Amino acid sequence: INVRGSSQQQKEELQQEEKTFDGDDRHLQQAGPPYSFSFRRCNDQFLRLPSATPSEEPSISPPNDSGSCETCEINSNEIEFAGNLRDDIFDQLSPLEMEAINQLLLRRGVIQKLINDVRNERETMDFDYIVFHQFYPPNKSEALAYLDGETNIKPQRYAIATVHRGSKKDVMQYKVGPLVNDRLDSDTATVESMLQDGEVPWAQR
């Protein structure tokens, strides 16, 4: 940030800030970059520069022959991406995927309403509706093979839909999938019960 001193008073204030900065902002310096700063004066400019570490000062070019300041160069280390570009297989469900699950379970008769359409307390007791969507983790061996580049075949993507079943007075979870490009094929998608009827009683919902 370059601050041009338009008056002697401003310059004096900045000089005072330069003297007291280290003491007043020690908690920032301890946090490391980019929360530590230093001030440098170059002709009529005062430059506030981030330091790479509290003990390492940024470099600044001296004034050139014309008397004006050159561009300041700050030493910084390049940050390389250390992740795996294939780890999107663990992405959480998108809104489009959740809506695809809603519509499939409605068409299959697994639920009678969406939760936003449940209008009153009586309907919460009588109807079947989804209360929660969550990502279903892929098979471990298939995921590792894909992440390690041993295969280019992605593990199939599934979700869990938790349903309050007023019709049976229990809670059921369904494994739904596979999801492909935020969609479910209405002909080939499966809806598999993950619990026994009554395993999670209505009173524990």
Protein backbone atom coordinates (compact mmCIF):
# COMPACT_ATOMS: atom_id res chain seq x y z
CA ILE A 1 0.00 0.00 0.00
CA ASN A 2 1.55 3.29 -1.04
CA VAL A 3 0.76 6.33 1.02
CA ARG A 4 1.84 9.68 -0.35
CA GLY A 5 2.47 12.28 2.33
CA SER A 6 0.51 15.34 1.34
CA SER A 7 1.58 17.26 4.42
CA GLN A 8 4.34 17.34 6.97
CA GLN A 9 1.89 16.19 9.63
CA GLN A 10 1.00 13.07 7.66
CA LYS A 11 4.67 12.22 7.23
CA GLU A 12 5.30 12.61 10.93
CA GLU A 13 2.33 10.38 11.74
CA LEU A 14 3.59 7.70 9.41
CA GLN A 15 7.09 7.95 10.85
CA GLN A 16 5.64 7.49 14.32
CA GLU A 17 3.63 4.51 13.10
CA GLU A 18 6.81 3.03 11.67
CA LYS A 19 8.51 3.28 15.06
CA THR A 20 5.64 1.81 17.06
CA PHE A 21 4.41 -0.77 14.54
CA ASP A 22 6.58 -3.66 15.74
CA GLY A 23 5.50 -3.25 19.34
CA ASP A 24 1.82 -2.67 18.65
CA ASP A 25 1.39 -5.56 16.25
CA ARG A 26 3.49 -8.30 17.76
CA HIS A 27 0.50 -10.64 17.76
CA LEU A 28 0.27 -10.23 13.99
CA GLN A 29 3.97 -10.85 13.48
CA GLN A 30 3.83 -14.03 15.56
CA ALA A 31 1.10 -15.35 13.28
CA GLY A 32 3.52 -15.24 10.35
CA PRO A 33 2.79 -14.19 6.76
CA PRO A 34 0.76 -12.42 5.58
CA TYR A 35 0.06 -10.88 8.99
CA SER A 36 3.49 -9.31 9.57
CA PHE A 37 4.43 -6.04 7.92
CA SER A 38 7.27 -3.56 7.70
CA PHE A 39 7.43 0.07 6.62
CA ARG A 40 9.97 1.50 4.21
CA ARG A 41 10.45 5.12 3.21
CA CYS A 42 11.28 5.93 -0.41
CA ASN A 43 11.45 9.67 -1.13
CA ASP A 44 7.97 10.99 -0.32
CA GLN A 45 6.37 7.56 -0.16
CA PHE A 46 5.89 5.30 2.82
CA LEU A 47 5.40 1.70 1.84
CA ARG A 48 3.80 -0.90 4.09
CA LEU A 49 5.06 -4.29 2.97
CA PRO A 50 4.29 -7.83 4.15
CA SER A 51 7.26 -9.78 5.45
CA ALA A 52 7.78 -13.42 4.54
CA THR A 53 8.56 -14.19 8.18
CA PRO A 54 9.01 -12.00 11.26
CA SER A 55 12.79 -12.28 10.84
CA GLU A 56 12.92 -12.02 7.04
CA GLU A 57 12.57 -8.56 5.54
CA PRO A 58 11.11 -7.90 2.08
CA SER A 59 13.48 -6.35 -0.42
CA ILE A 60 12.89 -2.91 -1.89
CA SER A 61 14.62 -1.28 -4.82
CA PRO A 62 16.57 1.92 -4.13
CA PRO A 63 15.50 5.16 -5.84
CA ASN A 64 16.65 5.46 -9.42
CA ASP A 65 18.52 8.42 -10.93
CA SER A 66 15.35 10.35 -11.61
CA GLY A 67 14.57 10.51 -7.90
CA SER A 68 11.38 8.47 -8.16
CA CYS A 69 10.85 5.09 -6.53
CA GLU A 70 11.05 1.89 -8.51
CA THR A 71 8.62 -0.94 -8.09
CA CYS A 72 9.17 -2.80 -4.83
CA GLU A 73 9.89 -6.50 -5.17
CA ILE A 74 8.80 -8.79 -2.37
CA ASN A 75 10.39 -12.20 -2.03
CA SER A 76 7.80 -14.94 -1.79
CA ASN A 77 7.75 -18.69 -2.12
CA GLU A 78 5.54 -20.23 -4.77
CA ILE A 79 2.72 -22.32 -3.35
CA GLU A 80 2.26 -25.60 -5.18
CA PHE A 81 -0.99 -27.56 -5.16
CA ALA A 82 -0.33 -30.68 -3.12
CA GLY A 83 -3.74 -32.32 -3.44
CA ASN A 84 -5.09 -34.96 -5.76
CA LEU A 85 -7.13 -33.74 -8.73
CA ARG A 86 -9.15 -36.95 -8.55
CA ASP A 87 -10.42 -36.38 -5.01
CA ASP A 88 -13.69 -34.93 -6.32
CA ILE A 89 -15.10 -38.42 -5.75
CA PHE A 90 -15.51 -37.28 -2.13
CA ASP A 91 -17.40 -34.07 -2.94
CA GLN A 92 -20.52 -33.47 -0.88
CA LEU A 93 -23.90 -33.60 -2.60
CA SER A 94 -24.80 -30.65 -4.79
CA PRO A 95 -28.25 -28.99 -4.75
CA LEU A 96 -28.95 -30.53 -8.16
CA GLU A 97 -28.16 -34.01 -6.84
CA MET A 98 -30.43 -33.50 -3.85
CA GLU A 99 -33.26 -32.41 -6.11
CA ALA A 100 -32.71 -35.44 -8.34
CA ILE A 101 -33.04 -37.67 -5.26
CA ASN A 102 -36.24 -35.87 -4.20
CA GLN A 103 -37.86 -36.37 -7.58
CA LEU A 104 -36.85 -40.03 -7.89
CA LEU A 105 -38.23 -40.92 -4.45
CA LEU A 106 -41.45 -39.07 -5.25
CA ARG A 107 -41.86 -40.97 -8.52
CA ARG A 108 -41.10 -44.29 -6.82
CA GLY A 109 -43.65 -43.61 -4.08
CA VAL A 110 -41.00 -43.83 -1.36
CA ILE A 111 -42.07 -40.40 -0.09
CA GLN A 112 -45.37 -38.55 -0.45
CA LYS A 113 -44.18 -35.00 0.09
CA LEU A 114 -41.10 -32.82 0.17
CA ILE A 115 -40.31 -31.35 3.55
CA ASN A 116 -41.10 -27.83 2.32
CA ASP A 117 -44.59 -29.03 1.42
CA VAL A 118 -45.35 -30.41 4.88
CA ARG A 119 -47.77 -27.73 6.04
CA ASN A 120 -48.72 -28.51 9.61
CA GLU A 121 -47.99 -30.64 12.64
CA ARG A 122 -50.48 -33.33 11.66
CA GLU A 123 -48.79 -33.86 8.29
CA THR A 124 -45.42 -34.29 9.98
CA MET A 125 -46.95 -37.28 11.77
CA ASP A 126 -48.80 -38.83 8.84
CA PHE A 127 -46.62 -38.45 5.74
CA ASP A 128 -43.31 -39.85 4.54
CA TYR A 129 -40.74 -37.18 3.61
CA ILE A 130 -36.97 -36.70 3.35
CA VAL A 131 -35.38 -34.86 6.24
CA PHE A 132 -31.70 -35.25 5.35
CA HIS A 133 -29.46 -35.95 2.36
CA GLN A 134 -25.86 -37.03 2.73
CA PHE A 135 -22.99 -38.36 0.64
CA TYR A 136 -22.41 -42.12 0.73
CA PRO A 137 -18.64 -42.81 0.71
CA PRO A 138 -17.38 -45.00 -2.15
CA ASN A 139 -15.88 -48.44 -1.73
CA LYS A 140 -12.39 -48.01 -0.21
CA SER A 141 -10.46 -50.29 -2.60
CA GLU A 142 -12.14 -48.73 -5.64
CA ALA A 143 -11.45 -45.21 -4.36
CA LEU A 144 -7.78 -45.92 -3.65
CA ALA A 145 -7.26 -47.53 -7.05
CA TYR A 146 -8.74 -44.46 -8.75
CA LEU A 147 -6.83 -41.95 -6.59
CA ASP A 148 -3.53 -43.77 -7.16
CA GLY A 149 -4.06 -43.82 -10.93
CA GLU A 150 -4.29 -47.60 -11.13
CA THR A 151 -7.58 -47.20 -12.98
CA ASN A 152 -9.42 -44.39 -14.73
CA ILE A 153 -12.81 -45.77 -13.75
CA LYS A 154 -14.46 -43.56 -11.14
CA PRO A 155 -16.24 -45.27 -8.25
CA GLN A 156 -19.98 -44.94 -8.61
CA ARG A 157 -21.51 -42.08 -6.66
CA TYR A 158 -24.31 -42.74 -4.17
CA ALA A 159 -26.27 -40.80 -1.57
CA ILE A 160 -28.18 -41.54 1.62
CA ALA A 161 -31.70 -40.16 2.02
CA THR A 162 -33.06 -40.17 5.56
CA VAL A 163 -36.86 -40.37 5.58
CA HIS A 164 -39.33 -39.82 8.38
CA ARG A 165 -42.02 -42.40 7.65
CA GLY A 166 -45.26 -41.33 9.23
CA SER A 167 -46.97 -44.25 7.53
CA LYS A 168 -44.88 -46.77 9.50
CA LYS A 169 -43.94 -44.56 12.44
CA ASP A 170 -40.20 -45.11 12.03
CA VAL A 171 -37.12 -43.61 10.39
CA MET A 172 -35.64 -45.21 7.28
CA GLN A 173 -32.43 -44.54 5.37
CA TYR A 174 -32.15 -45.32 1.66
CA LYS A 175 -29.03 -45.72 -0.45
CA VAL A 176 -29.80 -43.97 -3.74
CA GLY A 177 -27.77 -43.98 -6.95
CA PRO A 178 -25.69 -44.04 -8.94
CA LEU A 179 -25.56 -40.27 -9.49
CA VAL A 180 -24.03 -39.20 -12.79
CA ASN A 181 -23.51 -35.54 -13.71
CA ASP A 182 -25.92 -34.40 -10.97
CA ARG A 183 -28.65 -36.72 -12.29
CA LEU A 184 -30.30 -40.05 -11.59
CA ASP A 185 -31.44 -42.33 -14.38
CA SER A 186 -35.09 -43.05 -13.51
CA ASP A 187 -34.88 -46.48 -15.14
CA THR A 188 -31.58 -47.78 -13.73
CA ALA A 189 -31.18 -45.92 -10.42
CA THR A 190 -31.63 -48.04 -7.31
CA VAL A 191 -33.26 -47.20 -3.98
CA GLU A 192 -32.04 -49.63 -1.31
CA SER A 193 -33.24 -49.74 2.30
CA MET A 194 -30.33 -49.55 4.74
CA LEU A 195 -32.30 -50.32 7.91
CA GLN A 196 -34.91 -52.81 9.00
CA ASP A 197 -38.49 -51.64 9.41
CA GLY A 198 -38.88 -50.23 12.91
CA GLU A 199 -35.13 -50.38 13.63
CA VAL A 200 -35.14 -46.65 14.40
CA PRO A 201 -38.42 -46.01 16.24
CA TRP A 202 -40.54 -42.96 15.48
CA ALA A 203 -39.91 -41.62 19.00
CA GLN A 204 -36.15 -41.42 18.26
CA ARG A 205 -36.44 -39.43 15.06
